[in-house]
């Protein structure tokens, strides 16, 4: 199955939001059990931060690219 730009951007956005929720939940649980400053928590949080940044950036750029492509198509159809 092939996705268009808008669908791909939405999937990236949903993934980004899910990872943000996962990071918040993980940090709250680590804070509650006293393991917030452990290496495992720090590495896991950094990895999730990278995933959040990557998926957020791809969602943002994909959404804008889809809008630009729709504008181009609309301009071509008017001619």
PDB file of N, CA and C in Angstrom:
ATOM      1  N   UNK A   1       0.848  -1.161   0.000  1.00  0.00           N
ATOM      2  CA  UNK A   1       0.000   0.000   0.000  1.00  0.00           C
ATOM      3  C   UNK A   1       0.903   1.236   0.000  1.00  0.00           C
ATOM      4  N   UNK A   2       0.554   2.195  -0.807  1.00  0.00           N
ATOM      5  CA  UNK A   2       1.339   3.417  -0.897  1.00  0.00           C
ATOM      6  C   UNK A   2       0.536   4.578  -0.310  1.00  0.00           C
ATOM      7  N   UNK A   3       1.225   5.395   0.495  1.00  0.00           N
ATOM      8  CA  UNK A   3       0.581   6.536   1.136  1.00  0.00           C
ATOM      9  C   UNK A   3       0.942   7.816   0.411  1.00  0.00           C
ATOM     10  N   UNK A   4       0.000   8.752   0.385  1.00  0.00           N
ATOM     11  CA  UNK A   4       0.333  10.062  -0.148  1.00  0.00           C
ATOM     12  C   UNK A   4       0.992  10.898   0.952  1.00  0.00           C
ATOM     13  N   UNK A   5       1.417  12.085   0.613  1.00  0.00           N
ATOM     14  CA  UNK A   5       2.153  12.926   1.569  1.00  0.00           C
ATOM     15  C   UNK A   5       1.317  13.265   2.801  1.00  0.00           C
ATOM     16  N   UNK A   6       0.058  13.576   2.599  1.00  0.00           N
ATOM     17  CA  UNK A   6      -0.805  13.966   3.721  1.00  0.00           C
ATOM     18  C   UNK A   6      -0.985  12.803   4.689  1.00  0.00           C
ATOM     19  N   UNK A   7      -1.207  11.614   4.181  1.00  0.00           N
ATOM     20  CA  UNK A   7      -1.382  10.432   5.035  1.00  0.00           C
ATOM     21  C   UNK A   7      -0.102  10.116   5.788  1.00  0.00           C
ATOM     22  N   UNK A   8       1.028  10.200   5.104  1.00  0.00           N
ATOM     23  CA  UNK A   8       2.318   9.940   5.748  1.00  0.00           C
ATOM     24  C   UNK A   8       2.562  10.970   6.861  1.00  0.00           C
ATOM     25  N   UNK A   9       2.237  12.218   6.609  1.00  0.00           N
ATOM     26  CA  UNK A   9       2.415  13.260   7.620  1.00  0.00           C
ATOM     27  C   UNK A   9       1.520  13.008   8.830  1.00  0.00           C
ATOM     28  N   UNK A  10       0.311  12.549   8.586  1.00  0.00           N
ATOM     29  CA  UNK A  10      -0.589  12.236   9.709  1.00  0.00           C
ATOM     30  C   UNK A  10      -0.062  11.075  10.538  1.00  0.00           C
ATOM     31  N   UNK A  11       0.473  10.055   9.882  1.00  0.00           N
ATOM     32  CA  UNK A  11       1.043   8.929  10.626  1.00  0.00           C
ATOM     33  C   UNK A  11       2.247   9.366  11.453  1.00  0.00           C
ATOM     34  N   UNK A  12       3.090  10.220  10.884  1.00  0.00           N
ATOM     35  CA  UNK A  12       4.211  10.760  11.652  1.00  0.00           C
ATOM     36  C   UNK A  12       3.706  11.567  12.851  1.00  0.00           C
ATOM     37  N   UNK A  13       2.651  12.346  12.664  1.00  0.00           N
ATOM     38  CA  UNK A  13       2.110  13.159  13.758  1.00  0.00           C
ATOM     39  C   UNK A  13       1.543  12.273  14.871  1.00  0.00           C
ATOM     40  N   UNK A  14       0.828  11.224  14.505  1.00  0.00           N
ATOM     41  CA  UNK A  14       0.269  10.306  15.510  1.00  0.00           C
ATOM     42  C   UNK A  14       1.398   9.600  16.262  1.00  0.00           C
ATOM     43  N   UNK A  15       2.427   9.184  15.534  1.00  0.00           N
ATOM     44  CA  UNK A  15       3.572   8.531  16.170  1.00  0.00           C
ATOM     45  C   UNK A  15       4.270   9.490  17.125  1.00  0.00           C
ATOM     46  N   UNK A  16       4.425  10.725  16.715  1.00  0.00           N
ATOM     47  CA  UNK A  16       5.054  11.735  17.569  1.00  0.00           C
ATOM     48  C   UNK A  16       4.251  11.939  18.849  1.00  0.00           C
ATOM     49  N   UNK A  17       2.953  12.076  18.725  1.00  0.00           N
ATOM     50  CA  UNK A  17       2.107  12.273  19.910  1.00  0.00           C
ATOM     51  C   UNK A  17       2.141  11.059  20.833  1.00  0.00           C
ATOM     52  N   UNK A  18       2.124   9.854  20.261  1.00  0.00           N
ATOM     53  CA  UNK A  18       2.193   8.641  21.080  1.00  0.00           C
ATOM     54  C   UNK A  18       3.511   8.573  21.839  1.00  0.00           C
ATOM     55  N   UNK A  19       4.599   8.948  21.189  1.00  0.00           N
ATOM     56  CA  UNK A  19       5.904   8.923  21.860  1.00  0.00           C
ATOM     57  C   UNK A  19       6.001   9.993  22.949  1.00  0.00           C
ATOM     58  N   UNK A  20       5.375  11.138  22.735  1.00  0.00           N
ATOM     59  CA  UNK A  20       5.357  12.178  23.767  1.00  0.00           C
ATOM     60  C   UNK A  20       4.629  11.663  25.007  1.00  0.00           C
ATOM     61  N   UNK A  21       3.481  11.027  24.795  1.00  0.00           N
ATOM     62  CA  UNK A  21       2.724  10.460  25.920  1.00  0.00           C
ATOM     63  C   UNK A  21       3.546   9.377  26.615  1.00  0.00           C
ATOM     64  N   UNK A  22       4.217   8.538  25.840  1.00  0.00           N
ATOM     65  CA  UNK A  22       5.047   7.472  26.392  1.00  0.00           C
ATOM     66  C   UNK A  22       6.194   8.047  27.211  1.00  0.00           C
ATOM     67  N   UNK A  23       6.827   9.105  26.728  1.00  0.00           N
ATOM     68  CA  UNK A  23       7.920   9.741  27.457  1.00  0.00           C
ATOM     69  C   UNK A  23       7.430  10.331  28.777  1.00  0.00           C
ATOM     70  N   UNK A  24       6.312  11.036  28.742  1.00  0.00           N
ATOM     71  CA  UNK A  24       5.761  11.636  29.967  1.00  0.00           C
ATOM     72  C   UNK A  24       5.405  10.553  30.974  1.00  0.00           C
ATOM     73  N   UNK A  25       4.749   9.496  30.508  1.00  0.00           N
ATOM     74  CA  UNK A  25       4.369   8.401  31.402  1.00  0.00           C
ATOM     75  C   UNK A  25       5.605   7.736  31.996  1.00  0.00           C
ATOM     76  N   UNK A  26       6.626   7.514  31.179  1.00  0.00           N
ATOM     77  CA  UNK A  26       7.853   6.874  31.642  1.00  0.00           C
ATOM     78  C   UNK A  26       8.569   7.737  32.684  1.00  0.00           C
ATOM     79  N   UNK A  27       8.636   9.044  32.428  1.00  0.00           N
ATOM     80  CA  UNK A  27       9.302   9.935  33.381  1.00  0.00           C
ATOM     81  C   UNK A  27       8.530  10.041  34.695  1.00  0.00           C
ATOM     82  N   UNK A  28       7.218  10.045  34.618  1.00  0.00           N
ATOM     83  CA  UNK A  28       6.409  10.083  35.853  1.00  0.00           C
ATOM     84  C   UNK A  28       6.611   8.809  36.681  1.00  0.00           C
ATOM     85  N   UNK A  29       6.614   7.651  36.017  1.00  0.00           N
ATOM     86  CA  UNK A  29       6.829   6.395  36.734  1.00  0.00           C
ATOM     87  C   UNK A  29       8.240   6.317  37.319  1.00  0.00           C
ATOM     88  N   UNK A  30       9.225   6.782  36.565  1.00  0.00           N
ATOM     89  CA  UNK A  30      10.604   6.774  37.058  1.00  0.00           C
ATOM     90  C   UNK A  30      10.771   7.716  38.245  1.00  0.00           C
ATOM     91  N   UNK A  31      10.090   8.830  38.203  1.00  0.00           N
ATOM     92  CA  UNK A  31      10.139   9.769  39.321  1.00  0.00           C
ATOM     93  C   UNK A  31       9.493   9.156  40.565  1.00  0.00           C
ATOM     94  N   UNK A  32       8.396   8.429  40.365  1.00  0.00           N
ATOM     95  CA  UNK A  32       7.685   7.824  41.497  1.00  0.00           C
ATOM     96  C   UNK A  32       8.502   6.721  42.168  1.00  0.00           C
ATOM     97  N   UNK A  33       9.243   5.930  41.359  1.00  0.00           N
ATOM     98  CA  UNK A  33      10.002   4.839  41.976  1.00  0.00           C
ATOM     99  C   UNK A  33      11.459   5.206  42.253  1.00  0.00           C
ATOM    100  N   UNK A  34      11.832   6.445  42.012  1.00  0.00           N
ATOM    101  CA  UNK A  34      13.162   6.920  42.379  1.00  0.00           C
ATOM    102  C   UNK A  34      14.269   6.596  41.393  1.00  0.00           C
ATOM    103  N   UNK A  35      13.925   6.165  40.202  1.00  0.00           N
ATOM    104  CA  UNK A  35      14.956   5.807  39.224  1.00  0.00           C
ATOM    105  C   UNK A  35      15.080   6.836  38.103  1.00  0.00           C
ATOM    106  N   UNK A  36      14.700   8.066  38.394  1.00  0.00           N
ATOM    107  CA  UNK A  36      14.712   9.105  37.364  1.00  0.00           C
ATOM    108  C   UNK A  36      16.124   9.409  36.864  1.00  0.00           C
ATOM    109  N   UNK A  37      17.119   9.320  37.739  1.00  0.00           N
ATOM    110  CA  UNK A  37      18.488   9.659  37.356  1.00  0.00           C
ATOM    111  C   UNK A  37      19.322   8.440  36.973  1.00  0.00           C
ATOM    112  N   UNK A  38      18.686   7.300  36.752  1.00  0.00           N
ATOM    113  CA  UNK A  38      19.454   6.109  36.362  1.00  0.00           C
ATOM    114  C   UNK A  38      19.817   6.201  34.879  1.00  0.00           C
ATOM    115  N   UNK A  39      20.893   5.495  34.509  1.00  0.00           N
ATOM    116  CA  UNK A  39      21.351   5.534  33.123  1.00  0.00           C
ATOM    117  C   UNK A  39      20.308   4.984  32.165  1.00  0.00           C
ATOM    118  N   UNK A  40      19.614   3.956  32.577  1.00  0.00           N
ATOM    119  CA  UNK A  40      18.602   3.357  31.702  1.00  0.00           C
ATOM    120  C   UNK A  40      17.496   4.357  31.372  1.00  0.00           C
ATOM    121  N   UNK A  41      17.054   5.090  32.384  1.00  0.00           N
ATOM    122  CA  UNK A  41      16.008   6.084  32.165  1.00  0.00           C
ATOM    123  C   UNK A  41      16.513   7.219  31.292  1.00  0.00           C
ATOM    124  N   UNK A  42      17.750   7.655  31.520  1.00  0.00           N
ATOM    125  CA  UNK A  42      18.316   8.753  30.741  1.00  0.00           C
ATOM    126  C   UNK A  42      18.469   8.346  29.275  1.00  0.00           C
ATOM    127  N   UNK A  43      19.016   7.163  29.024  1.00  0.00           N
ATOM    128  CA  UNK A  43      19.212   6.702  27.640  1.00  0.00           C
ATOM    129  C   UNK A  43      17.863   6.500  26.946  1.00  0.00           C
ATOM    130  N   UNK A  44      16.927   5.890  27.652  1.00  0.00           N
ATOM    131  CA  UNK A  44      15.595   5.681  27.076  1.00  0.00           C
ATOM    132  C   UNK A  44      14.931   7.015  26.741  1.00  0.00           C
ATOM    133  N   UNK A  45      15.047   7.982  27.639  1.00  0.00           N
ATOM    134  CA  UNK A  45      14.443   9.296  27.404  1.00  0.00           C
ATOM    135  C   UNK A  45      15.099  10.011  26.226  1.00  0.00           C
ATOM    136  N   UNK A  46      16.411   9.897  26.124  1.00  0.00           N
ATOM    137  CA  UNK A  46      17.103  10.507  24.984  1.00  0.00           C
ATOM    138  C   UNK A  46      16.690   9.850  23.664  1.00  0.00           C
ATOM    139  N   UNK A  47      16.568   8.537  23.671  1.00  0.00           N
ATOM    140  CA  UNK A  47      16.124   7.842  22.457  1.00  0.00           C
ATOM    141  C   UNK A  47      14.716   8.266  22.059  1.00  0.00           C
ATOM    142  N   UNK A  48      13.830   8.337  23.034  1.00  0.00           N
ATOM    143  CA  UNK A  48      12.478   8.800  22.725  1.00  0.00           C
ATOM    144  C   UNK A  48      12.488  10.250  22.258  1.00  0.00           C
ATOM    145  N   UNK A  49      13.372  11.063  22.817  1.00  0.00           N
ATOM    146  CA  UNK A  49      13.492  12.450  22.370  1.00  0.00           C
ATOM    147  C   UNK A  49      13.898  12.542  20.910  1.00  0.00           C
ATOM    148  N   UNK A  50      14.822  11.677  20.492  1.00  0.00           N
ATOM    149  CA  UNK A  50      15.239  11.656  19.084  1.00  0.00           C
ATOM    150  C   UNK A  50      14.073  11.228  18.193  1.00  0.00           C
ATOM    151  N   UNK A  51      13.345  10.209  18.608  1.00  0.00           N
ATOM    152  CA  UNK A  51      12.191   9.744  17.826  1.00  0.00           C
ATOM    153  C   UNK A  51      11.127  10.836  17.744  1.00  0.00           C
ATOM    154  N   UNK A  52      10.885  11.523  18.858  1.00  0.00           N
ATOM    155  CA  UNK A  52       9.899  12.606  18.873  1.00  0.00           C
ATOM    156  C   UNK A  52      10.320  13.724  17.918  1.00  0.00           C
ATOM    157  N   UNK A  53      11.592  14.101  17.962  1.00  0.00           N
ATOM    158  CA  UNK A  53      12.083  15.163  17.077  1.00  0.00           C
ATOM    159  C   UNK A  53      11.981  14.744  15.612  1.00  0.00           C
ATOM    160  N   UNK A  54      12.381  13.503  15.306  1.00  0.00           N
ATOM    161  CA  UNK A  54      12.370  13.021  13.923  1.00  0.00           C
ATOM    162  C   UNK A  54      10.946  12.936  13.370  1.00  0.00           C
ATOM    163  N   UNK A  55      10.059  12.314  14.123  1.00  0.00           N
ATOM    164  CA  UNK A  55       8.691  12.161  13.634  1.00  0.00           C
ATOM    165  C   UNK A  55       7.960  13.504  13.602  1.00  0.00           C
ATOM    166  N   UNK A  56       8.251  14.365  14.566  1.00  0.00           N
ATOM    167  CA  UNK A  56       7.646  15.698  14.554  1.00  0.00           C
ATOM    168  C   UNK A  56       8.085  16.508  13.350  1.00  0.00           C
ATOM    169  N   UNK A  57       9.381  16.447  13.035  1.00  0.00           N
ATOM    170  CA  UNK A  57       9.895  17.182  11.883  1.00  0.00           C
ATOM    171  C   UNK A  57       9.301  16.634  10.578  1.00  0.00           C
ATOM    172  N   UNK A  58       9.237  15.324  10.457  1.00  0.00           N
ATOM    173  CA  UNK A  58       8.665  14.735   9.248  1.00  0.00           C
ATOM    174  C   UNK A  58       7.173  15.034   9.116  1.00  0.00           C
ATOM    175  N   UNK A  59       6.466  15.066  10.234  1.00  0.00           N
ATOM    176  CA  UNK A  59       5.047  15.426  10.185  1.00  0.00           C
ATOM    177  C   UNK A  59       4.885  16.870   9.727  1.00  0.00           C
ATOM    178  N   UNK A  60       5.709  17.751  10.263  1.00  0.00           N
ATOM    179  CA  UNK A  60       5.629  19.171   9.916  1.00  0.00           C
ATOM    180  C   UNK A  60       5.967  19.406   8.447  1.00  0.00           C
ATOM    181  N   UNK A  61       7.072  18.851   7.989  1.00  0.00           N
ATOM    182  CA  UNK A  61       7.473  19.070   6.596  1.00  0.00           C
ATOM    183  C   UNK A  61       6.535  18.365   5.621  1.00  0.00           C
ATOM    184  N   UNK A  62       6.045  17.187   5.986  1.00  0.00           N
ATOM    185  CA  UNK A  62       5.113  16.476   5.110  1.00  0.00           C
ATOM    186  C   UNK A  62       3.797  17.198   4.970  1.00  0.00           C
ATOM    187  N   UNK A  63       3.325  17.771   6.053  1.00  0.00           N
ATOM    188  CA  UNK A  63       2.072  18.515   6.013  1.00  0.00           C
ATOM    189  C   UNK A  63       2.214  19.723   5.109  1.00  0.00           C
ATOM    190  N   UNK A  64       3.324  20.445   5.232  1.00  0.00           N
ATOM    191  CA  UNK A  64       3.546  21.621   4.398  1.00  0.00           C
ATOM    192  C   UNK A  64       3.765  21.246   2.943  1.00  0.00           C
ATOM    193  N   UNK A  65       4.462  20.151   2.691  1.00  0.00           N
ATOM    194  CA  UNK A  65       4.695  19.714   1.312  1.00  0.00           C
ATOM    195  C   UNK A  65       3.374  19.325   0.651  1.00  0.00           C
ATOM    196  N   UNK A  66       2.496  18.702   1.409  1.00  0.00           N
ATOM    197  CA  UNK A  66       1.195  18.314   0.858  1.00  0.00           C
ATOM    198  C   UNK A  66       0.382  19.550   0.506  1.00  0.00           C
ATOM    199  N   UNK A  67       0.436  20.580   1.342  1.00  0.00           N
ATOM    200  CA  UNK A  67      -0.282  21.816   1.054  1.00  0.00           C
ATOM    201  C   UNK A  67       0.264  22.495  -0.196  1.00  0.00           C
ATOM    202  N   UNK A  68       1.595  22.522  -0.328  1.00  0.00           N
ATOM    203  CA  UNK A  68       2.203  23.141  -1.494  1.00  0.00           C
ATOM    204  C   UNK A  68       1.842  22.386  -2.768  1.00  0.00           C
ATOM    205  N   UNK A  69       1.831  21.062  -2.703  1.00  0.00           N
ATOM    206  CA  UNK A  69       1.488  20.260  -3.871  1.00  0.00           C
ATOM    207  C   UNK A  69       0.031  20.481  -4.268  1.00  0.00           C
ATOM    208  N   UNK A  70      -0.859  20.595  -3.286  1.00  0.00           N
ATOM    209  CA  UNK A  70      -2.261  20.843  -3.590  1.00  0.00           C
ATOM    210  C   UNK A  70      -2.436  22.204  -4.246  1.00  0.00           C
ATOM    211  N   UNK A  71      -1.674  23.203  -3.793  1.00  0.00           N
ATOM    212  CA  UNK A  71      -1.741  24.530  -4.401  1.00  0.00           C
ATOM    213  C   UNK A  71      -1.257  24.482  -5.846  1.00  0.00           C
ATOM    214  N   UNK A  72      -0.171  23.733  -6.099  1.00  0.00           N
ATOM    215  CA  UNK A  72       0.352  23.598  -7.451  1.00  0.00           C
ATOM    216  C   UNK A  72      -0.667  22.911  -8.362  1.00  0.00           C
ATOM    217  N   UNK A  73      -1.300  21.847  -7.844  1.00  0.00           N
ATOM    218  CA  UNK A  73      -2.302  21.141  -8.632  1.00  0.00           C
ATOM    219  C   UNK A  73      -3.502  22.036  -8.928  1.00  0.00           C
ATOM    220  N   UNK A  74      -3.912  22.818  -7.942  1.00  0.00           N
ATOM    221  CA  UNK A  74      -5.028  23.732  -8.147  1.00  0.00           C
ATOM    222  C   UNK A  74      -4.686  24.790  -9.191  1.00  0.00           C
ATOM    223  N   UNK A  75      -3.459  25.264  -9.182  1.00  0.00           N
ATOM    224  CA  UNK A  75      -3.012  26.258 -10.162  1.00  0.00           C
ATOM    225  C   UNK A  75      -2.998  25.650 -11.566  1.00  0.00           C
ATOM    226  N   UNK A  76      -2.544  24.410 -11.697  1.00  0.00           N
ATOM    227  CA  UNK A  76      -2.506  23.742 -12.988  1.00  0.00           C
ATOM    228  C   UNK A  76      -3.911  23.506 -13.525  1.00  0.00           C
ATOM    229  N   UNK A  77      -4.851  23.194 -12.638  1.00  0.00           N
ATOM    230  CA  UNK A  77      -6.221  22.918 -13.057  1.00  0.00           C
ATOM    231  C   UNK A  77      -6.938  24.182 -13.526  1.00  0.00           C
ATOM    232  N   UNK A  78      -6.532  25.328 -13.017  1.00  0.00           N
ATOM    233  CA  UNK A  78      -7.166  26.586 -13.409  1.00  0.00           C
ATOM    234  C   UNK A  78      -6.775  27.000 -14.823  1.00  0.00           C
ATOM    235  N   UNK A  79      -5.628  26.544 -15.299  1.00  0.00           N
ATOM    236  CA  UNK A  79      -5.131  26.984 -16.618  1.00  0.00           C
ATOM    237  C   UNK A  79      -5.820  26.298 -17.715  1.00  0.00           C
TER     238      UNK A  79
END
